[in-house]
Protein backbone atom coordinates (compact mmCIF):
# COMPACT_ATOMS: atom_id res chain seq x y z
CA MET A 1 0.00 0.00 0.00
CA THR A 2 1.43 3.42 -0.95
CA LYS A 3 1.59 6.30 1.54
CA LEU A 4 -1.08 8.12 -0.46
CA THR A 5 -3.41 5.14 -0.35
CA LEU A 6 -2.74 4.63 3.37
CA THR A 7 -3.46 8.29 4.09
CA ALA A 8 -6.70 8.12 2.11
CA ALA A 9 -7.75 5.00 4.03
CA ILE A 10 -7.08 6.68 7.39
CA VAL A 11 -9.01 9.80 6.39
CA SER A 12 -11.89 7.64 5.17
CA ALA A 13 -11.97 5.71 8.44
CA LEU A 14 -11.96 8.91 10.49
CA LEU A 15 -14.80 10.37 8.47
CA ALA A 16 -16.79 7.18 8.90
CA ALA A 17 -16.26 7.06 12.66
CA PRO A 18 -19.07 8.29 14.92
CA ALA A 19 -18.71 11.87 16.08
CA ALA A 20 -17.33 12.39 19.59
CA TRP A 21 -19.75 14.54 21.54
CA ALA A 22 -18.31 16.79 24.22
CA GLN A 23 -20.25 16.19 27.41
CA SER A 24 -21.54 19.01 29.57
CA ALA A 25 -23.04 18.14 32.94
CA ALA A 26 -24.25 21.73 33.32
CA ALA A 27 -26.11 21.49 30.02
CA GLY A 28 -27.46 18.09 31.03
CA GLU A 29 -28.91 19.50 34.24
CA LYS A 30 -30.91 22.00 32.18
CA LYS A 31 -32.21 19.20 29.94
CA ALA A 32 -33.18 16.81 32.75
CA ALA A 33 -36.69 18.20 33.34
CA MET A 34 -38.24 15.31 31.42
CA CYS A 35 -36.28 12.81 33.55
CA ILE A 36 -36.80 14.00 37.13
CA GLY A 37 -40.54 13.22 37.19
CA CYS A 38 -39.58 9.54 37.45
CA HIS A 39 -35.86 9.30 38.20
CA GLY A 40 -35.86 12.17 40.72
CA ILE A 41 -38.44 10.66 43.08
CA PRO A 42 -37.11 8.04 45.56
CA GLY A 43 -39.02 4.78 45.32
CA TYR A 44 -41.11 5.91 42.36
CA GLN A 45 -42.82 2.95 40.76
CA ALA A 46 -43.62 2.46 37.09
CA SER A 47 -46.87 0.69 36.23
CA PHE A 48 -46.53 0.25 32.45
CA PRO A 49 -45.66 -1.90 30.63
CA GLU A 50 -44.61 -3.71 33.82
CA VAL A 51 -44.67 -2.79 37.49
CA HIS A 52 -41.29 -2.07 39.08
CA LYS A 53 -39.36 0.69 40.79
CA VAL A 54 -37.81 3.15 38.35
CA PRO A 55 -34.05 2.50 38.24
CA MET A 56 -31.58 4.65 40.10
CA ILE A 57 -29.38 6.41 37.55
CA SER A 58 -27.51 9.02 39.61
CA GLY A 59 -23.92 7.80 39.87
CA GLN A 60 -24.29 5.40 36.93
CA ASN A 61 -21.60 5.22 34.26
CA GLY A 62 -22.22 8.00 31.75
CA LYS A 63 -21.09 5.95 28.79
CA TYR A 64 -23.64 3.29 29.69
CA LEU A 65 -26.45 5.84 30.12
CA ALA A 66 -25.77 7.38 26.72
CA ALA A 67 -25.69 3.93 25.10
CA ALA A 68 -28.96 2.95 26.80
CA LEU A 69 -30.70 6.09 25.54
CA ALA A 70 -29.39 5.44 22.04
CA ALA A 71 -30.71 1.87 22.22
CA TYR A 72 -34.18 3.13 23.17
CA LYS A 73 -34.05 5.61 20.28
CA LYS A 74 -33.12 2.86 17.80
CA GLY A 75 -35.74 0.47 19.17
CA GLU A 76 -33.16 -2.02 20.41
CA ARG A 77 -34.66 -1.50 23.84
CA LYS A 78 -38.44 -1.50 24.00
CA HIS A 79 -40.29 0.63 26.52
CA PRO A 80 -42.98 3.00 25.22
CA THR A 81 -42.19 5.89 27.55
CA MET A 82 -38.43 5.66 27.28
CA GLN A 83 -38.56 5.23 23.51
CA ALA A 84 -40.71 8.34 23.13
CA ILE A 85 -38.31 10.37 25.28
CA ALA A 86 -35.19 9.05 23.56
CA LYS A 87 -36.54 9.84 20.11
CA SER A 88 -36.78 13.50 21.13
CA LEU A 89 -33.09 13.63 22.08
CA SER A 90 -30.09 14.43 19.93
CA ASP A 91 -26.74 12.70 20.41
CA GLN A 92 -25.56 15.86 22.19
CA ASP A 93 -28.58 15.76 24.52
CA MET A 94 -27.80 12.15 25.43
CA ALA A 95 -24.14 12.95 26.09
CA ASP A 96 -25.06 15.90 28.32
CA LEU A 97 -27.71 14.00 30.29
CA ALA A 98 -25.30 11.10 30.77
CA ALA A 99 -22.62 13.44 32.13
CA PHE A 100 -25.11 15.09 34.49
CA TYR A 101 -26.38 11.84 35.99
CA GLU A 102 -22.94 10.26 36.22
CA GLY A 103 -21.73 13.11 38.41
CA GLN A 104 -24.94 13.78 40.31
CA ALA A 105 -24.33 11.37 43.19
CA LYS A 106 -20.77 11.43 44.46
CA VAL A 107 -20.34 8.65 47.02
CA GLU A 108 -17.45 6.65 48.41
CA PRO A 109 -16.61 3.66 46.21
CA VAL A 110 -17.88 0.39 47.64
CA ALA A 111 -15.56 -2.36 48.85
CA ALA A 112 -13.83 -4.49 46.24
CA LYS A 113 -15.75 -7.56 47.42
CA PRO A 114 -19.39 -7.73 48.53
CA ALA A 115 -19.83 -7.71 52.30
CA THR A 116 -22.59 -10.29 51.95
CA GLU A 117 -21.77 -13.59 50.32
CA PRO A 118 -24.43 -15.18 48.11
CA SER A 119 -26.03 -18.44 49.09
CA PRO A 120 -24.41 -21.49 47.45
CA GLN A 121 -27.33 -21.72 45.02
CA VAL A 122 -27.11 -18.06 43.98
CA ALA A 123 -23.31 -18.30 43.78
CA GLU A 124 -23.68 -21.10 41.24
CA LEU A 125 -26.19 -19.06 39.21
CA LEU A 126 -23.86 -16.05 39.10
CA LYS A 127 -20.94 -18.29 38.17
CA LYS A 128 -22.90 -19.90 35.35
CA ALA A 129 -22.95 -16.67 33.33
CA ASN A 130 -19.74 -15.31 34.91
CA CYS A 131 -21.54 -12.06 35.77
CA ALA A 132 -18.55 -10.67 37.70
CA SER A 133 -16.35 -10.85 34.60
CA CYS A 134 -18.19 -7.83 33.14
CA HIS A 135 -19.83 -6.10 36.11
CA GLY A 136 -16.94 -6.53 38.56
CA GLU A 137 -16.56 -8.73 41.61
CA ASN A 138 -18.54 -6.21 43.66
CA PHE A 139 -21.00 -5.61 40.76
CA SER A 140 -20.18 -1.92 41.02
CA LYS A 141 -16.95 -1.75 38.99
CA PRO A 142 -17.62 -2.92 35.42
CA ILE A 143 -14.66 -3.71 33.20
CA ASP A 144 -15.77 -0.94 30.83
CA PRO A 145 -17.91 2.17 31.51
CA SER A 146 -20.26 1.10 28.73
CA TYR A 147 -21.48 -1.60 31.14
CA PRO A 148 -23.73 -0.64 34.07
CA LYS A 149 -23.09 -0.66 37.77
CA ILE A 150 -25.78 -2.97 39.15
CA ALA A 151 -24.97 -3.45 42.85
CA GLY A 152 -27.72 -1.99 45.02
CA GLN A 153 -30.02 -1.32 42.08
CA HIS A 154 -33.70 -2.00 42.78
CA ALA A 155 -34.11 -5.77 42.71
CA ASP A 156 -37.50 -5.66 40.99
CA TYR A 157 -36.04 -3.49 38.20
CA LEU A 158 -33.05 -5.82 37.79
CA TYR A 159 -35.42 -8.74 37.44
CA ILE A 160 -37.57 -6.96 34.83
CA ALA A 161 -34.44 -5.93 32.91
CA LEU A 162 -33.05 -9.47 32.89
CA LYS A 163 -36.41 -10.88 31.85
CA ALA A 164 -36.55 -8.38 28.98
CA TYR A 165 -33.49 -10.02 27.42
CA GLN A 166 -35.50 -13.25 27.22
CA THR A 167 -38.47 -11.58 25.54
CA ASP A 168 -38.95 -11.75 21.77
CA LYS A 169 -41.60 -10.34 19.43
CA ASN A 170 -43.24 -8.04 21.96
CA ALA A 171 -44.02 -4.47 20.94
CA SER A 172 -43.59 -2.99 24.43
CA ILE A 173 -41.03 -5.21 26.17
CA GLY A 174 -37.63 -6.52 25.18
CA ARG A 175 -33.94 -5.74 24.84
CA GLY A 176 -31.85 -6.59 21.81
CA ASN A 177 -28.37 -7.11 23.29
CA ALA A 178 -27.23 -10.48 21.94
CA ILE A 179 -24.66 -11.10 24.69
CA MET A 180 -27.08 -10.40 27.53
CA ALA A 181 -29.82 -12.36 25.79
CA GLY A 182 -27.53 -15.37 25.62
CA MET A 183 -26.78 -15.04 29.32
CA ALA A 184 -30.36 -14.45 30.46
CA LYS A 185 -31.89 -17.26 28.44
CA GLN A 186 -29.91 -19.83 30.46
CA TYR A 187 -32.11 -19.21 33.49
CA SER A 188 -35.67 -19.74 34.66
CA LEU A 189 -37.61 -16.67 35.80
CA ALA A 190 -37.28 -17.85 39.39
CA GLU A 191 -33.50 -18.00 38.99
CA LEU A 192 -33.38 -14.51 37.48
CA LYS A 193 -35.34 -13.23 40.46
CA GLN A 194 -32.93 -14.88 42.91
CA MET A 195 -29.93 -13.24 41.26
CA ALA A 196 -31.67 -9.86 41.10
CA GLN A 197 -32.57 -10.01 44.78
CA TYR A 198 -28.99 -10.77 45.79
CA ILE A 199 -27.38 -8.10 43.59
CA GLY A 200 -29.99 -5.56 44.67
CA SER A 201 -29.19 -6.25 48.34
CA LEU A 202 -25.52 -5.26 47.97
CA ASP A 203 -23.92 -1.92 48.79
CA GLY A 204 -23.70 0.17 45.63
CA GLU A 205 -22.90 3.58 44.24
CA LEU A 206 -26.27 4.27 42.60
CA ARG A 207 -28.64 6.81 44.10
CA THR A 208 -31.89 8.63 43.49
CA VAL A 209 -31.30 12.32 44.12
CA PRO A 210 -34.63 13.93 45.08
CA GLN A 211 -35.57 16.91 42.94
CA SER A 212 -38.57 19.12 42.58
CA ARG A 213 -40.77 18.48 39.56
CA PHE A 214 -41.21 22.24 39.26
CA ARG A 215 -38.02 24.16 38.59
């Protein structure tokens, strides 16, 4: 390959690469009005399409939050409310909101190992899919920020999320991540619930930061 050809190939690859969006937490705070009605109320419970506590997102990895919003926008994640919201957001909006929520709850990092050991049965379930290999031994330090922190997340939400990876051909429910689908489909619903309850019981870095709906 000549230098000219190599240079052209590099330029072509750079032009084809997704744009890098500069994140602004301050801008994200101004755009979060549509989020705080659910994610800014501690213990707030969704009732459609399934009943569960709305996930805590303050302190979550920003890269993961932006990716999740993009997945809702593309339809890879199905949830009528979240899809409608995501479709109204630009890539810049998603980057700003992600930066805001990542930095909203500053807490001390949790211990490297969970203080509570799982039961032998749950330990075997977690080992089966090697959950710690991606989400970290304490389930709060993923190997990459595009993966979520899950320790201490609401157990009923974790269960619904895991179940969604098993769901196909449903207009309102489902998640299209092939890796997670392969993991989740190994388990019965009862087993998913057991894992969710254990992970949700752990100390974590996720929070719901109360905010007024009117600001």
